[in-house]
């Protein structure tokens, strides 16, 4: 065989896994259906002078990955403020410097200003614990190897214990709480609680009153490194370029505009892939960075899997709800620098989520907005993949109009600056970017789909019922957002064989 391993998908996790395997001397081939590598980690042009980071406003691989792979990455920009737009011209600006943040929070509550440094310190410790959890292999329950799996778990529990009695209790309890409940334990100001709750629901089909948004708050805080985005110089696509260059330097190969039709299985073992073109490429090891449901039910096929496992794979909850609206302006948009959140109240955020429950696009959406010169990028929630009374061919313009009108209501004059727009709907996320149901995380980050239950109970160690086939995308343990953790973990699981 010409290759020791084939990676399906040149997203950040696929490229991270490929680099780790190539570093051990394996001959690795990465196959990407699009004409550009990077997956969600791309900076694209939508016309002359109109380019943007397509899906994420910032991206940062975990520091150990950067160090292990020797990546030469562009520096992130300085930490910018997080600005919560409240309506009637009112704003809460939370600076990255806790002391400056205290000064603005004090305008809303002296009590909350005093608690802010303690809250930030707790979130940093909780995020560090979550990072440790993402590095720890999860046991394949109900099967359990006391020595091989017990020792890493014991180390993780020791890290939890070292948080101290109070923070250990806070951390464990917060994971199952709603953002509304969690923030109520810390602060009295609805304004500050709303700003925090907005971060908790970012990218997930949950409202601030949903159980488990305490966990997603810690998850998003970890991936961002705090409250606000830190844009990457020259765009997040430079990270994908660095990963591709590193892989090629290690003897790996990346082929773009090549779509995998199926994974070849012979006697319950993966032996290669078959392309849409009909070409077959053999390899003894296959890693899929596509989402688990697509990998297992479409690329492998139900006929090659145990019936109960097929039922479990069919039950993976995706439910994408995010749209993106990129706007080219005349440069006079008037928006302040930083990460802007249209989040007037917790009730407002919950009502925006209510629309998604009924298959409707939020009339008053939660927006998160970033700027790069004359380009404004708007993250829109909630825009459910499955619309009840419409389809995305007709609803595209609805998202665009509501995004622009909502932002203009909070920042008058923005609408007048608009020249061109590019809307990316959940359908586009599926058809163009390969994200089933438009789910950025390859599976919702909800309580029954995290840790040892991700992607499926009993299958958290990246392996599948098909020998030689492993999962390395965002839908497995450590995944969700741009971190590279699941790609790293999958490669290490393979190297432990």
Protein backbone atom coordinates (compact mmCIF):
# COMPACT_ATOMS: atom_id res chain seq x y z
CA UNK A 1 0.00 0.00 0.00
CA UNK A 2 1.22 3.49 -0.89
CA UNK A 3 -0.20 5.03 2.30
CA UNK A 4 -0.16 4.00 5.94
CA UNK A 5 -3.17 6.18 6.77
CA UNK A 6 -5.89 8.11 4.95
CA UNK A 7 -7.60 11.07 6.60
CA UNK A 8 -11.06 11.99 5.31
CA UNK A 9 -11.47 15.77 5.52
CA UNK A 10 -8.85 18.51 5.63
CA UNK A 11 -10.47 20.43 8.45
CA UNK A 12 -8.32 21.50 11.37
CA UNK A 13 -8.86 18.24 13.26
CA UNK A 14 -8.05 16.11 10.22
CA UNK A 15 -4.88 18.11 9.58
CA UNK A 16 -3.83 17.95 13.23
CA UNK A 17 -4.32 14.16 13.30
CA UNK A 18 -2.43 13.82 10.01
CA UNK A 19 0.52 15.81 11.34
CA UNK A 20 0.76 13.73 14.52
CA UNK A 21 0.74 10.50 12.49
CA UNK A 22 3.21 11.83 9.92
CA UNK A 23 5.50 12.86 12.76
CA UNK A 24 5.87 9.15 13.64
CA UNK A 25 7.04 8.36 10.10
CA UNK A 26 3.73 7.17 8.67
CA UNK A 27 2.90 8.00 5.07
CA UNK A 28 -0.33 10.00 5.30
CA UNK A 29 -2.85 11.13 2.67
CA UNK A 30 -5.54 13.72 3.42
CA UNK A 31 -8.58 13.91 1.12
CA UNK A 32 -10.73 17.06 0.97
CA UNK A 33 -13.97 17.45 -1.02
CA UNK A 34 -13.62 21.25 -1.33
CA UNK A 35 -11.05 23.03 -3.44
CA UNK A 36 -9.54 24.59 -0.32
CA UNK A 37 -8.16 22.90 2.80
CA UNK A 38 -9.20 24.01 6.26
CA UNK A 39 -12.83 22.97 6.73
CA UNK A 40 -14.27 25.51 9.16
CA UNK A 41 -10.85 27.13 9.42
CA UNK A 42 -10.98 29.12 6.18
CA UNK A 43 -10.67 32.72 5.08
CA UNK A 44 -12.49 33.16 1.77
CA UNK A 45 -13.11 35.83 -0.85
CA UNK A 46 -16.71 36.69 -1.69
CA UNK A 47 -15.81 39.21 -4.35
CA UNK A 48 -13.35 41.97 -5.15
CA UNK A 49 -12.13 43.44 -1.86
CA UNK A 50 -14.60 41.31 0.09
CA UNK A 51 -12.98 38.52 2.11
CA UNK A 52 -13.76 37.24 5.58
CA UNK A 53 -13.22 34.39 8.03
CA UNK A 54 -16.16 32.35 6.82
CA UNK A 55 -17.48 30.59 9.93
CA UNK A 56 -15.48 31.63 13.00
CA UNK A 57 -14.34 35.08 14.08
CA UNK A 58 -11.25 33.67 15.78
CA UNK A 59 -9.44 30.37 16.15
CA UNK A 60 -6.66 29.10 18.40
CA UNK A 61 -5.23 25.59 18.45
CA UNK A 62 -4.39 24.27 21.90
CA UNK A 63 -0.86 25.36 22.94
CA UNK A 64 0.41 21.79 23.34
CA UNK A 65 -0.61 21.04 19.73
CA UNK A 66 1.25 24.08 18.43
CA UNK A 67 4.29 23.03 20.46
CA UNK A 68 4.16 19.33 19.53
CA UNK A 69 3.85 20.04 15.82
CA UNK A 70 6.28 22.96 15.77
CA UNK A 71 3.78 25.19 14.01
CA UNK A 72 4.76 28.72 13.05
CA UNK A 73 1.45 30.50 13.52
CA UNK A 74 0.60 34.19 13.18
CA UNK A 75 0.15 36.01 16.45
CA UNK A 76 -3.38 36.68 17.63
CA UNK A 77 -4.38 40.30 18.06
CA UNK A 78 -4.47 41.93 21.47
CA UNK A 79 -7.44 41.08 23.62
CA UNK A 80 -10.33 43.32 22.66
CA UNK A 81 -13.37 44.32 24.73
CA UNK A 82 -16.66 42.47 24.80
CA UNK A 83 -19.49 44.94 24.21
CA UNK A 84 -23.05 43.95 25.10
CA UNK A 85 -25.57 46.12 23.22
CA UNK A 86 -28.58 46.70 25.46
CA UNK A 87 -30.83 48.97 23.40
CA UNK A 88 -31.64 52.69 23.71
CA UNK A 89 -27.97 53.42 23.15
CA UNK A 90 -26.90 51.64 26.35
CA UNK A 91 -23.87 49.35 26.38
CA UNK A 92 -21.91 47.26 28.81
CA UNK A 93 -18.24 47.13 27.82
CA UNK A 94 -16.23 44.38 29.48
CA UNK A 95 -12.53 44.95 28.97
CA UNK A 96 -10.07 42.06 28.97
CA UNK A 97 -8.33 43.80 31.87
CA UNK A 98 -10.37 42.86 34.98
CA UNK A 99 -9.62 46.22 36.61
CA UNK A 100 -10.99 48.19 33.64
CA UNK A 101 -13.94 45.80 33.41
CA UNK A 102 -14.72 46.49 37.07
CA UNK A 103 -15.04 50.20 36.35
CA UNK A 104 -17.73 49.71 33.70
CA UNK A 105 -19.52 46.95 35.61
CA UNK A 106 -19.69 49.26 38.62
CA UNK A 107 -22.03 51.53 36.63
CA UNK A 108 -24.58 48.72 36.81
CA UNK A 109 -23.73 47.15 40.17
CA UNK A 110 -21.03 47.84 42.76
CA UNK A 111 -21.58 44.34 44.16
CA UNK A 112 -20.92 42.73 40.76
CA UNK A 113 -17.85 44.85 40.15
CA UNK A 114 -16.32 43.53 43.35
CA UNK A 115 -17.06 39.92 42.39
CA UNK A 116 -15.79 40.20 38.81
CA UNK A 117 -12.08 39.39 39.43
CA UNK A 118 -13.07 36.33 41.47
CA UNK A 119 -15.40 35.19 38.67
CA UNK A 120 -12.71 35.57 36.00
CA UNK A 121 -10.23 33.63 38.14
CA UNK A 122 -12.76 30.84 38.64
CA UNK A 123 -13.55 30.66 34.91
CA UNK A 124 -9.83 30.37 34.11
CA UNK A 125 -9.45 27.49 36.58
CA UNK A 126 -12.62 25.78 35.33
CA UNK A 127 -11.47 26.12 31.71
CA UNK A 128 -8.08 24.65 32.62
CA UNK A 129 -9.81 21.66 34.20
CA UNK A 130 -12.00 21.23 31.11
CA UNK A 131 -8.88 21.33 28.93
CA UNK A 132 -7.37 18.59 31.09
CA UNK A 133 -10.58 16.57 30.72
CA UNK A 134 -10.39 16.94 26.93
CA UNK A 135 -6.81 15.59 27.01
CA UNK A 136 -7.85 12.58 29.10
CA UNK A 137 -9.01 9.44 27.26
CA UNK A 138 -12.54 8.59 28.32
CA UNK A 139 -13.34 5.00 29.37
CA UNK A 140 -15.45 2.85 27.08
CA UNK A 141 -18.26 2.31 29.56
CA UNK A 142 -19.67 -0.12 30.60
CA UNK A 143 -16.32 -1.79 29.77
CA UNK A 144 -13.55 -0.51 31.97
CA UNK A 145 -9.85 -1.36 32.23
CA UNK A 146 -8.91 -0.40 35.82
CA UNK A 147 -5.21 0.16 35.15
CA UNK A 148 -5.04 1.42 31.58
CA UNK A 149 -8.10 3.68 31.88
CA UNK A 150 -8.23 4.17 35.62
CA UNK A 151 -4.88 5.93 35.99
CA UNK A 152 -5.65 8.78 33.53
CA UNK A 153 -9.04 9.28 35.18
CA UNK A 154 -7.41 9.33 38.62
CA UNK A 155 -5.07 12.03 37.36
CA UNK A 156 -8.03 14.06 36.10
CA UNK A 157 -9.85 13.72 39.41
CA UNK A 158 -6.71 14.90 41.19
CA UNK A 159 -6.68 18.01 38.99
CA UNK A 160 -10.32 18.58 39.94
CA UNK A 161 -9.51 18.17 43.62
CA UNK A 162 -6.68 20.69 43.33
CA UNK A 163 -9.21 23.38 42.42
CA UNK A 164 -10.00 23.46 46.11
CA UNK A 165 -13.16 22.40 47.86
CA UNK A 166 -15.28 25.43 46.92
CA UNK A 167 -14.24 25.71 43.27
CA UNK A 168 -14.39 21.95 42.77
CA UNK A 169 -18.01 22.00 43.88
CA UNK A 170 -18.74 25.08 41.77
CA UNK A 171 -17.20 23.54 38.67
CA UNK A 172 -19.00 20.20 38.85
CA UNK A 173 -22.32 21.79 39.75
CA UNK A 174 -22.08 24.45 37.03
CA UNK A 175 -21.82 21.90 34.22
CA UNK A 176 -25.43 20.79 34.64
CA UNK A 177 -26.84 24.23 35.46
CA UNK A 178 -28.44 26.70 33.11
CA UNK A 179 -26.54 29.91 32.40
CA UNK A 180 -29.36 31.82 34.09
CA UNK A 181 -28.97 29.79 37.30
CA UNK A 182 -25.18 29.84 37.20
CA UNK A 183 -24.88 33.60 36.76
CA UNK A 184 -27.54 34.19 39.41
CA UNK A 185 -25.20 32.56 41.92
CA UNK A 186 -22.56 35.17 41.10
CA UNK A 187 -24.17 38.45 40.13
CA UNK A 188 -27.21 40.62 40.79
CA UNK A 189 -27.21 42.72 37.60
CA UNK A 190 -29.33 41.26 34.79
CA UNK A 191 -27.14 43.16 32.34
CA UNK A 192 -23.93 41.40 33.34
CA UNK A 193 -25.69 38.06 33.68
CA UNK A 194 -27.01 38.47 30.12
CA UNK A 195 -23.57 39.21 28.69
CA UNK A 196 -22.23 36.00 30.24
CA UNK A 197 -25.29 34.00 29.16
CA UNK A 198 -24.82 35.09 25.56
CA UNK A 199 -21.39 33.46 25.51
CA UNK A 200 -22.93 30.33 27.03
CA UNK A 201 -25.39 29.82 24.15
CA UNK A 202 -23.02 30.80 21.35
CA UNK A 203 -23.09 28.13 18.65
CA UNK A 204 -25.49 25.72 20.38
CA UNK A 205 -29.22 25.20 20.01
CA UNK A 206 -29.96 26.04 23.62
CA UNK A 207 -31.33 29.02 25.48
CA UNK A 208 -29.87 30.58 28.64
CA UNK A 209 -32.54 28.77 30.67
CA UNK A 210 -31.53 25.36 29.27
CA UNK A 211 -29.76 22.87 31.52
CA UNK A 212 -26.13 22.36 30.54
CA UNK A 213 -25.39 25.90 29.36
CA UNK A 214 -23.10 26.23 32.36
CA UNK A 215 -20.96 23.61 30.61
CA UNK A 216 -21.09 25.36 27.22
CA UNK A 217 -20.05 28.60 28.94
CA UNK A 218 -16.86 26.93 30.20
CA UNK A 219 -16.32 25.26 26.83
CA UNK A 220 -16.59 28.53 24.88
CA UNK A 221 -14.45 30.38 27.44
CA UNK A 222 -11.74 27.74 27.01
CA UNK A 223 -11.76 27.86 23.21
CA UNK A 224 -11.70 31.66 23.07
CA UNK A 225 -9.30 32.12 25.93
CA UNK A 226 -11.77 34.45 27.62
CA UNK A 227 -14.81 36.54 26.78
CA UNK A 228 -14.05 38.24 23.46
CA UNK A 229 -12.62 36.97 20.20
CA UNK A 230 -8.95 37.48 19.39
CA UNK A 231 -8.81 37.68 15.57
CA UNK A 232 -5.83 36.14 13.79
CA UNK A 233 -3.65 38.37 11.65
CA UNK A 234 -4.44 37.83 7.94
CA UNK A 235 -7.35 35.57 8.85
CA UNK A 236 -7.85 32.19 10.46
CA UNK A 237 -7.10 30.48 7.15
CA UNK A 238 -3.42 31.07 7.85
CA UNK A 239 -3.64 28.40 10.56
CA UNK A 240 -4.88 25.85 8.02
CA UNK A 241 -2.07 26.85 5.64
CA UNK A 242 0.48 26.32 8.45
CA UNK A 243 -0.95 22.84 9.16
CA UNK A 244 -0.83 21.87 5.48
CA UNK A 245 2.73 23.15 5.11
CA UNK A 246 3.82 21.26 8.22
CA UNK A 247 2.25 18.05 6.91
CA UNK A 248 3.93 18.34 3.53
CA UNK A 249 7.27 18.98 5.24
CA UNK A 250 6.76 15.64 7.05
CA UNK A 251 6.13 13.81 3.79
CA UNK A 252 2.33 13.89 3.96
CA UNK A 253 0.04 14.65 1.04
CA UNK A 254 -3.15 16.70 0.74
CA UNK A 255 -5.51 16.27 -2.21
CA UNK A 256 -8.33 18.79 -2.61
CA UNK A 257 -11.46 18.66 -4.83
CA UNK A 258 -11.62 14.94 -4.08
CA UNK A 259 -14.78 13.53 -2.51
CA UNK A 260 -14.88 10.22 -0.71
CA UNK A 261 -17.94 8.20 -1.67
CA UNK A 262 -17.45 5.32 0.75
CA UNK A 263 -15.08 3.58 3.10
CA UNK A 264 -14.19 0.13 1.83
CA UNK A 265 -14.88 -2.53 4.45
CA UNK A 266 -13.76 -6.14 4.09
CA UNK A 267 -14.61 -8.64 6.84
CA UNK A 268 -15.36 -5.88 9.36
CA UNK A 269 -12.07 -4.09 8.66
CA UNK A 270 -11.50 -0.82 6.81
CA UNK A 271 -9.13 -1.39 3.91
CA UNK A 272 -9.32 1.89 2.00
CA UNK A 273 -11.65 4.46 0.46
CA UNK A 274 -13.60 4.74 -2.78
CA UNK A 275 -13.85 8.17 -4.38
CA UNK A 276 -16.81 9.61 -6.26
CA UNK A 277 -14.66 9.37 -9.38
CA UNK A 278 -14.50 5.59 -8.90
CA UNK A 279 -10.85 5.53 -7.83
CA UNK A 280 -10.03 3.25 -4.90
CA UNK A 281 -7.15 4.06 -2.56
CA UNK A 282 -6.06 1.30 -0.14
CA UNK A 283 -4.72 1.90 3.36
CA UNK A 284 -4.77 -0.15 6.58
CA UNK A 285 -5.81 2.85 8.68
CA UNK A 286 -8.66 5.32 8.01
CA UNK A 287 -9.42 8.38 10.14
CA UNK A 288 -12.56 10.39 9.40
CA UNK A 289 -12.77 14.07 10.31
CA UNK A 290 -16.34 14.16 8.99
CA UNK A 291 -19.15 14.11 11.54
CA UNK A 292 -19.85 10.70 13.12
CA UNK A 293 -23.33 10.29 11.67
CA UNK A 294 -22.16 10.96 8.10
CA UNK A 295 -19.09 8.76 8.54
CA UNK A 296 -20.91 5.80 10.00
CA UNK A 297 -24.23 5.82 8.14
CA UNK A 298 -23.17 7.14 4.73
CA UNK A 299 -19.48 6.42 4.23
CA UNK A 300 -19.53 3.03 5.99
CA UNK A 301 -23.20 2.16 5.70
CA UNK A 302 -25.63 0.49 8.08
CA UNK A 303 -25.10 -2.95 6.51
CA UNK A 304 -21.51 -3.03 7.84
CA UNK A 305 -22.44 -2.10 11.43
CA UNK A 306 -24.19 -3.83 14.35
CA UNK A 307 -27.94 -3.00 14.42
CA UNK A 308 -27.88 -1.45 17.90
CA UNK A 309 -24.90 0.70 16.97
CA UNK A 310 -26.76 1.92 13.86
CA UNK A 311 -29.70 2.95 16.03
CA UNK A 312 -27.38 4.88 18.33
CA UNK A 313 -25.69 6.63 15.39
CA UNK A 314 -29.07 7.64 14.00
CA UNK A 315 -29.86 9.21 17.38
CA UNK A 316 -26.90 11.64 17.41
CA UNK A 317 -28.41 15.09 17.89
CA UNK A 318 -27.13 17.68 15.41
CA UNK A 319 -29.75 20.46 15.03
CA UNK A 320 -27.69 23.34 13.65
CA UNK A 321 -29.10 26.81 14.31
CA UNK A 322 -26.41 29.25 13.16
CA UNK A 323 -26.23 31.48 10.10
CA UNK A 324 -23.49 33.92 9.13
CA UNK A 325 -23.96 37.27 7.41
CA UNK A 326 -20.80 38.92 6.10
CA UNK A 327 -21.23 42.55 5.10
CA UNK A 328 -18.97 44.69 2.96
CA UNK A 329 -19.53 48.31 4.00
CA UNK A 330 -18.32 51.66 2.74
CA UNK A 331 -16.17 51.88 5.86
CA UNK A 332 -18.59 54.16 7.70
CA UNK A 333 -20.38 51.43 9.67
CA UNK A 334 -19.74 53.17 12.99
CA UNK A 335 -19.36 49.96 14.98
CA UNK A 336 -16.93 49.97 17.91
CA UNK A 337 -13.95 47.63 17.93
CA UNK A 338 -14.22 44.37 19.80
CA UNK A 339 -16.78 41.59 20.04
CA UNK A 340 -20.31 43.02 20.00
CA UNK A 341 -23.28 41.05 21.30
CA UNK A 342 -26.88 42.03 20.69
CA UNK A 343 -28.22 40.66 23.97
CA UNK A 344 -30.45 43.14 25.83
CA UNK A 345 -31.69 40.64 28.45
CA UNK A 346 -31.81 36.97 29.36
CA UNK A 347 -35.48 36.96 28.39
CA UNK A 348 -34.54 38.34 24.98
CA UNK A 349 -32.05 35.49 24.45
CA UNK A 350 -34.59 32.90 25.58
CA UNK A 351 -37.24 34.26 23.20
CA UNK A 352 -34.73 34.12 20.35
CA UNK A 353 -34.20 30.44 21.19
CA UNK A 354 -37.96 29.85 21.46
CA UNK A 355 -38.31 30.50 17.73
CA UNK A 356 -35.92 27.65 16.94
CA UNK A 357 -38.07 25.23 18.95
CA UNK A 358 -40.85 25.77 16.44
CA UNK A 359 -38.73 25.72 13.31
CA UNK A 360 -38.77 29.48 12.87
CA UNK A 361 -36.07 32.10 12.32
CA UNK A 362 -35.77 34.45 15.30
CA UNK A 363 -37.49 37.77 14.65
CA UNK A 364 -35.35 39.35 17.35
CA UNK A 365 -32.12 37.35 17.03
CA UNK A 366 -29.09 37.08 19.24
CA UNK A 367 -26.21 38.45 17.21
CA UNK A 368 -22.48 38.44 17.79
CA UNK A 369 -20.61 40.90 15.60
CA UNK A 370 -16.95 41.46 14.75
CA UNK A 371 -15.32 43.94 12.37
CA UNK A 372 -12.21 43.90 10.22
CA UNK A 373 -11.79 47.23 8.49
CA UNK A 374 -14.81 47.74 6.27
CA UNK A 375 -15.96 44.11 6.67
CA UNK A 376 -18.59 43.31 9.31
CA UNK A 377 -19.24 39.66 10.19
CA UNK A 378 -22.49 38.77 11.94
CA UNK A 379 -23.09 35.48 13.76
CA UNK A 380 -26.90 34.94 13.73
CA UNK A 381 -28.91 32.85 16.18
CA UNK A 382 -31.35 31.30 15.88
CA UNK A 383 -31.78 30.03 12.33
CA UNK A 384 -32.77 26.34 12.53
CA UNK A 385 -31.67 23.93 9.83
CA UNK A 386 -35.15 22.41 9.67
CA UNK A 387 -37.64 25.20 8.95
CA UNK A 388 -41.28 24.40 9.56
CA UNK A 389 -43.13 26.69 7.15
CA UNK A 390 -40.44 27.64 4.67
CA UNK A 391 -37.24 26.47 3.02
CA UNK A 392 -33.77 27.97 2.86
CA UNK A 393 -34.07 28.98 -0.78
CA UNK A 394 -36.70 31.51 0.29
CA UNK A 395 -35.48 32.20 3.83
CA UNK A 396 -31.98 33.36 2.90
CA UNK A 397 -33.13 36.97 2.50
CA UNK A 398 -34.99 36.84 5.84
CA UNK A 399 -31.77 36.18 7.77
CA UNK A 400 -29.98 38.96 5.90
CA UNK A 401 -32.73 41.50 6.53
CA UNK A 402 -33.20 40.65 10.21
CA UNK A 403 -29.47 40.67 10.89
CA UNK A 404 -28.97 44.10 9.31
CA UNK A 405 -32.14 45.62 10.76
CA UNK A 406 -31.41 44.34 14.26
CA UNK A 407 -27.85 45.64 14.25
CA UNK A 408 -28.95 48.98 12.77
CA UNK A 409 -31.49 49.39 15.59
CA UNK A 410 -28.64 49.20 18.10
CA UNK A 411 -26.05 51.05 15.97
CA UNK A 412 -27.96 53.61 13.85
CA UNK A 413 -26.28 54.30 10.54
CA UNK A 414 -24.96 50.78 10.02
CA UNK A 415 -27.60 49.90 7.41
CA UNK A 416 -26.71 52.93 5.31
CA UNK A 417 -23.09 51.72 5.07
CA UNK A 418 -23.96 48.33 3.55
CA UNK A 419 -22.63 47.68 0.03
CA UNK A 420 -22.69 43.88 -0.42
CA UNK A 421 -23.58 40.87 1.67
CA UNK A 422 -22.79 37.17 1.77
CA UNK A 423 -25.19 34.94 3.71
CA UNK A 424 -24.19 31.46 4.85
CA UNK A 425 -27.27 29.50 5.96
CA UNK A 426 -27.43 26.15 7.78
CA UNK A 427 -28.13 24.55 4.39
CA UNK A 428 -24.93 26.12 3.05
CA UNK A 429 -23.05 24.83 6.08
CA UNK A 430 -24.17 21.34 5.10
CA UNK A 431 -23.82 21.51 1.31
CA UNK A 432 -20.67 23.63 1.07
CA UNK A 433 -18.79 22.95 4.31
CA UNK A 434 -19.92 19.35 4.90
CA UNK A 435 -21.57 20.04 8.27
CA UNK A 436 -24.58 17.74 8.59
CA UNK A 437 -27.69 19.72 9.57
CA UNK A 438 -25.46 22.81 9.74
CA UNK A 439 -24.05 21.78 13.13
CA UNK A 440 -20.70 23.49 13.71
CA UNK A 441 -19.81 20.96 16.44
CA UNK A 442 -20.69 17.77 14.50
CA UNK A 443 -23.14 17.01 17.31
CA UNK A 444 -24.71 19.31 19.87
CA UNK A 445 -22.72 19.97 23.05
CA UNK A 446 -25.46 18.83 25.38
CA UNK A 447 -25.21 16.85 28.59
CA UNK A 448 -25.90 13.45 27.00
CA UNK A 449 -23.33 14.05 24.24
CA UNK A 450 -20.17 15.04 26.12
CA UNK A 451 -17.20 13.25 27.70
CA UNK A 452 -17.62 9.45 27.69
CA UNK A 453 -20.95 9.79 25.84
CA UNK A 454 -19.44 11.57 22.81
CA UNK A 455 -20.13 10.68 20.07
CA UNK A 456 -21.97 7.63 21.46
CA UNK A 457 -22.13 5.94 24.86
CA UNK A 458 -19.47 3.26 24.95
CA UNK A 459 -17.58 4.64 21.93
CA UNK A 460 -15.68 7.65 23.25
CA UNK A 461 -12.18 6.36 22.42
CA UNK A 462 -12.29 7.24 18.69
CA UNK A 463 -12.51 3.62 17.57
CA UNK A 464 -15.57 2.20 15.78
CA UNK A 465 -16.99 -1.32 15.29
CA UNK A 466 -15.04 -1.38 12.01
CA UNK A 467 -11.42 -2.32 12.73
CA UNK A 468 -8.94 0.24 11.42
CA UNK A 469 -11.53 3.06 11.28
CA UNK A 470 -11.25 5.93 13.76
CA UNK A 471 -13.15 9.19 14.24
CA UNK A 472 -11.13 12.39 14.63
CA UNK A 473 -13.56 15.27 13.95
CA UNK A 474 -15.39 17.72 16.19
CA UNK A 475 -18.08 15.18 16.97
CA UNK A 476 -15.85 13.17 19.31
CA UNK A 477 -14.47 13.80 22.79
CA UNK A 478 -12.57 17.08 22.95
CA UNK A 479 -14.33 18.48 19.91
CA UNK A 480 -16.51 21.52 19.30
CA UNK A 481 -15.03 24.85 18.27
CA UNK A 482 -11.53 25.35 16.92
CA UNK A 483 -8.97 23.73 19.21
CA UNK A 484 -7.63 20.65 17.43
CA UNK A 485 -8.10 18.59 20.59
CA UNK A 486 -10.13 15.79 19.01
CA UNK A 487 -7.66 15.41 16.13
CA UNK A 488 -4.78 15.21 18.59
CA UNK A 489 -6.62 12.71 20.79
CA UNK A 490 -7.54 10.45 17.88
CA UNK A 491 -3.97 10.35 16.61
CA UNK A 492 -2.68 9.47 20.05
CA UNK A 493 -5.29 6.72 20.36
CA UNK A 494 -4.02 5.25 17.10
CA UNK A 495 -0.38 5.55 18.21
CA UNK A 496 -1.18 3.66 21.43
CA UNK A 497 -2.24 0.57 19.46
